[in-house]
Amino acid sequence: MNFCRCIKKGLSEVIYMDVAAASVVMSQAQLKQQVGVSMMGHAKDQMAVQQQGLEKLIESADVNVDHPTLGNHLDVKA
């Protein structure tokens, strides 16, 4: 978006800046950034809650293993 207008008057050139439009665009950009940061904070909090639930589930699992090395290694592929 162009916020400057050039107007030629005789031999000189006058530049007008649309400060109000620039201010509105900057405010919108700042709001968009703040919303993004807030959403990331909520996602982080949700992941922490899910992690705690998963840890409780794993700790509460009563597993009797007859084989001494069974379950010692976990292969994870992303």
N, C-alpha and C. Protein backbone atom coordinates (compact mmCIF):
# COMPACT_ATOMS: atom_id res chain seq x y z
N MET A 1 0.85 -1.17 0.00
CA MET A 1 0.00 0.00 0.00
C MET A 1 0.89 1.23 0.00
N ASN A 2 0.58 2.15 -0.85
CA ASN A 2 1.39 3.35 -0.97
C ASN A 2 0.77 4.46 -0.13
N PHE A 3 1.56 5.03 0.76
CA PHE A 3 1.06 6.06 1.65
C PHE A 3 1.50 7.45 1.24
N CYS A 4 2.22 7.57 0.14
CA CYS A 4 2.73 8.87 -0.31
C CYS A 4 2.13 9.22 -1.67
N ARG A 5 1.83 10.48 -1.85
CA ARG A 5 1.38 10.98 -3.15
C ARG A 5 2.31 12.10 -3.56
N CYS A 6 2.74 12.07 -4.77
CA CYS A 6 3.59 13.13 -5.30
C CYS A 6 2.76 14.01 -6.22
N ILE A 7 2.79 15.28 -5.96
CA ILE A 7 2.05 16.23 -6.79
C ILE A 7 3.04 17.28 -7.29
N LYS A 8 3.06 17.46 -8.59
CA LYS A 8 3.96 18.45 -9.17
C LYS A 8 3.24 19.79 -9.25
N LYS A 9 3.87 20.78 -8.70
CA LYS A 9 3.35 22.14 -8.76
C LYS A 9 4.44 23.02 -9.37
N GLY A 10 4.24 23.35 -10.58
CA GLY A 10 5.25 24.16 -11.27
C GLY A 10 6.53 23.39 -11.41
N LEU A 11 7.63 23.96 -10.95
CA LEU A 11 8.94 23.31 -11.04
C LEU A 11 9.24 22.43 -9.83
N SER A 12 8.47 22.57 -8.76
CA SER A 12 8.74 21.79 -7.55
C SER A 12 7.74 20.64 -7.41
N GLU A 13 8.11 19.71 -6.58
CA GLU A 13 7.28 18.53 -6.34
C GLU A 13 6.95 18.46 -4.86
N VAL A 14 5.68 18.29 -4.53
CA VAL A 14 5.24 18.23 -3.14
C VAL A 14 4.84 16.79 -2.83
N ILE A 15 5.30 16.27 -1.70
CA ILE A 15 4.98 14.90 -1.29
C ILE A 15 4.05 14.96 -0.08
N TYR A 16 2.89 14.30 -0.20
CA TYR A 16 1.92 14.22 0.89
C TYR A 16 1.93 12.80 1.42
N MET A 17 2.02 12.65 2.73
CA MET A 17 1.95 11.33 3.35
C MET A 17 0.59 11.13 3.98
N ASP A 18 0.02 9.97 3.77
CA ASP A 18 -1.24 9.63 4.40
C ASP A 18 -0.92 8.93 5.72
N VAL A 19 -0.73 9.73 6.76
CA VAL A 19 -0.31 9.23 8.06
C VAL A 19 -1.41 8.37 8.69
N ALA A 20 -2.65 8.75 8.51
CA ALA A 20 -3.75 7.99 9.10
C ALA A 20 -3.80 6.57 8.54
N ALA A 21 -3.65 6.44 7.22
CA ALA A 21 -3.68 5.11 6.62
C ALA A 21 -2.50 4.26 7.08
N ALA A 22 -1.33 4.87 7.19
CA ALA A 22 -0.15 4.15 7.66
C ALA A 22 -0.36 3.69 9.10
N SER A 23 -0.96 4.53 9.92
CA SER A 23 -1.21 4.19 11.31
C SER A 23 -2.18 3.02 11.43
N VAL A 24 -3.22 3.01 10.61
CA VAL A 24 -4.21 1.93 10.64
C VAL A 24 -3.55 0.61 10.25
N VAL A 25 -2.76 0.62 9.20
CA VAL A 25 -2.10 -0.61 8.74
C VAL A 25 -1.12 -1.12 9.80
N MET A 26 -0.40 -0.21 10.43
CA MET A 26 0.55 -0.62 11.47
C MET A 26 -0.18 -1.20 12.68
N SER A 27 -1.32 -0.61 13.05
CA SER A 27 -2.10 -1.13 14.17
C SER A 27 -2.65 -2.52 13.86
N GLN A 28 -3.11 -2.72 12.64
CA GLN A 28 -3.61 -4.03 12.24
C GLN A 28 -2.51 -5.08 12.27
N ALA A 29 -1.33 -4.72 11.83
CA ALA A 29 -0.20 -5.66 11.84
C ALA A 29 0.18 -6.02 13.27
N GLN A 30 0.16 -5.02 14.16
CA GLN A 30 0.50 -5.27 15.55
C GLN A 30 -0.54 -6.18 16.21
N LEU A 31 -1.81 -5.94 15.93
CA LEU A 31 -2.88 -6.78 16.47
C LEU A 31 -2.74 -8.22 15.98
N LYS A 32 -2.44 -8.37 14.69
CA LYS A 32 -2.27 -9.71 14.12
C LYS A 32 -1.13 -10.45 14.81
N GLN A 33 -0.05 -9.74 15.09
CA GLN A 33 1.09 -10.36 15.78
C GLN A 33 0.70 -10.75 17.21
N GLN A 34 -0.01 -9.88 17.91
CA GLN A 34 -0.41 -10.17 19.29
C GLN A 34 -1.35 -11.36 19.35
N VAL A 35 -2.26 -11.47 18.40
CA VAL A 35 -3.18 -12.61 18.35
C VAL A 35 -2.40 -13.90 18.11
N GLY A 36 -1.42 -13.85 17.21
CA GLY A 36 -0.61 -15.04 16.93
C GLY A 36 0.16 -15.50 18.16
N VAL A 37 0.75 -14.56 18.88
CA VAL A 37 1.50 -14.91 20.09
C VAL A 37 0.56 -15.49 21.15
N SER A 38 -0.62 -14.90 21.28
CA SER A 38 -1.59 -15.41 22.25
C SER A 38 -2.04 -16.83 21.90
N MET A 39 -2.29 -17.08 20.62
CA MET A 39 -2.70 -18.42 20.19
C MET A 39 -1.60 -19.44 20.48
N MET A 40 -0.35 -19.06 20.26
CA MET A 40 0.75 -19.98 20.54
C MET A 40 0.84 -20.27 22.04
N GLY A 41 0.57 -19.28 22.88
CA GLY A 41 0.58 -19.49 24.33
C GLY A 41 -0.50 -20.47 24.75
N HIS A 42 -1.69 -20.33 24.15
CA HIS A 42 -2.78 -21.26 24.47
C HIS A 42 -2.44 -22.68 24.00
N ALA A 43 -1.83 -22.79 22.84
CA ALA A 43 -1.44 -24.12 22.34
C ALA A 43 -0.39 -24.75 23.25
N LYS A 44 0.54 -23.92 23.73
CA LYS A 44 1.58 -24.43 24.63
C LYS A 44 0.96 -24.92 25.94
N ASP A 45 0.02 -24.16 26.48
CA ASP A 45 -0.65 -24.57 27.71
C ASP A 45 -1.42 -25.88 27.52
N GLN A 46 -2.09 -26.01 26.39
CA GLN A 46 -2.85 -27.22 26.10
C GLN A 46 -1.93 -28.43 25.99
N MET A 47 -0.77 -28.25 25.37
CA MET A 47 0.19 -29.35 25.25
C MET A 47 0.72 -29.76 26.62
N ALA A 48 0.91 -28.80 27.52
CA ALA A 48 1.38 -29.12 28.87
C ALA A 48 0.34 -29.96 29.62
N VAL A 49 -0.94 -29.61 29.46
CA VAL A 49 -2.01 -30.38 30.10
C VAL A 49 -2.05 -31.80 29.54
N GLN A 50 -1.92 -31.92 28.24
CA GLN A 50 -1.93 -33.25 27.62
C GLN A 50 -0.73 -34.07 28.07
N GLN A 51 0.41 -33.42 28.22
CA GLN A 51 1.61 -34.12 28.68
C GLN A 51 1.41 -34.66 30.09
N GLN A 52 0.83 -33.85 30.97
CA GLN A 52 0.60 -34.30 32.34
C GLN A 52 -0.37 -35.49 32.37
N GLY A 53 -1.41 -35.43 31.55
CA GLY A 53 -2.35 -36.54 31.48
C GLY A 53 -1.69 -37.81 30.99
N LEU A 54 -0.84 -37.69 30.00
CA LEU A 54 -0.14 -38.85 29.46
C LEU A 54 0.83 -39.43 30.48
N GLU A 55 1.52 -38.56 31.21
CA GLU A 55 2.44 -39.04 32.25
C GLU A 55 1.68 -39.81 33.34
N LYS A 56 0.52 -39.29 33.76
CA LYS A 56 -0.30 -39.99 34.76
C LYS A 56 -0.77 -41.34 34.25
N LEU A 57 -1.16 -41.37 32.98
CA LEU A 57 -1.62 -42.62 32.39
C LEU A 57 -0.51 -43.66 32.35
N ILE A 58 0.68 -43.23 31.97
CA ILE A 58 1.81 -44.16 31.89
C ILE A 58 2.19 -44.66 33.29
N GLU A 59 2.20 -43.74 34.27
CA GLU A 59 2.56 -44.14 35.64
C GLU A 59 1.53 -45.09 36.25
N SER A 60 0.28 -44.91 35.88
CA SER A 60 -0.77 -45.75 36.48
C SER A 60 -0.90 -47.11 35.80
N ALA A 61 -0.23 -47.30 34.70
CA ALA A 61 -0.34 -48.58 33.99
C ALA A 61 0.36 -49.66 34.81
N ASP A 62 -0.37 -50.71 35.11
CA ASP A 62 0.19 -51.83 35.87
C ASP A 62 0.59 -52.91 34.87
N VAL A 63 1.89 -52.97 34.61
CA VAL A 63 2.39 -53.89 33.59
C VAL A 63 3.27 -54.94 34.27
N ASN A 64 2.91 -56.17 34.09
CA ASN A 64 3.74 -57.28 34.56
C ASN A 64 4.43 -57.89 33.35
N VAL A 65 5.74 -57.79 33.35
CA VAL A 65 6.51 -58.27 32.21
C VAL A 65 7.31 -59.49 32.66
N ASP A 66 7.12 -60.59 31.91
CA ASP A 66 7.87 -61.81 32.23
C ASP A 66 9.27 -61.78 31.63
N HIS A 67 9.43 -61.06 30.54
CA HIS A 67 10.73 -60.99 29.87
C HIS A 67 11.51 -59.80 30.43
N PRO A 68 12.80 -60.00 30.84
CA PRO A 68 13.54 -58.93 31.53
C PRO A 68 13.86 -57.70 30.66
N THR A 69 13.96 -57.86 29.33
CA THR A 69 14.31 -56.70 28.50
C THR A 69 13.14 -56.21 27.67
N LEU A 70 11.99 -56.83 27.81
CA LEU A 70 10.83 -56.44 27.04
C LEU A 70 10.30 -55.07 27.51
N GLY A 71 10.18 -54.17 26.59
CA GLY A 71 9.68 -52.84 26.91
C GLY A 71 10.72 -51.85 27.34
N ASN A 72 12.00 -52.22 27.25
CA ASN A 72 13.07 -51.29 27.62
C ASN A 72 13.39 -50.30 26.51
N HIS A 73 13.01 -50.60 25.29
CA HIS A 73 13.31 -49.72 24.15
C HIS A 73 12.02 -49.38 23.42
N LEU A 74 11.94 -48.16 22.98
CA LEU A 74 10.77 -47.69 22.26
C LEU A 74 11.23 -47.03 20.98
N ASP A 75 10.81 -47.55 19.84
CA ASP A 75 11.15 -46.97 18.54
C ASP A 75 10.05 -45.97 18.18
N VAL A 76 10.46 -44.74 17.94
CA VAL A 76 9.51 -43.69 17.60
C VAL A 76 9.91 -43.09 16.27
N LYS A 77 8.97 -43.06 15.34
CA LYS A 77 9.22 -42.45 14.03
C LYS A 77 8.26 -41.30 13.85
N ALA A 78 8.79 -40.17 13.43
CA ALA A 78 7.94 -39.00 13.22
C ALA A 78 7.59 -38.86 11.76
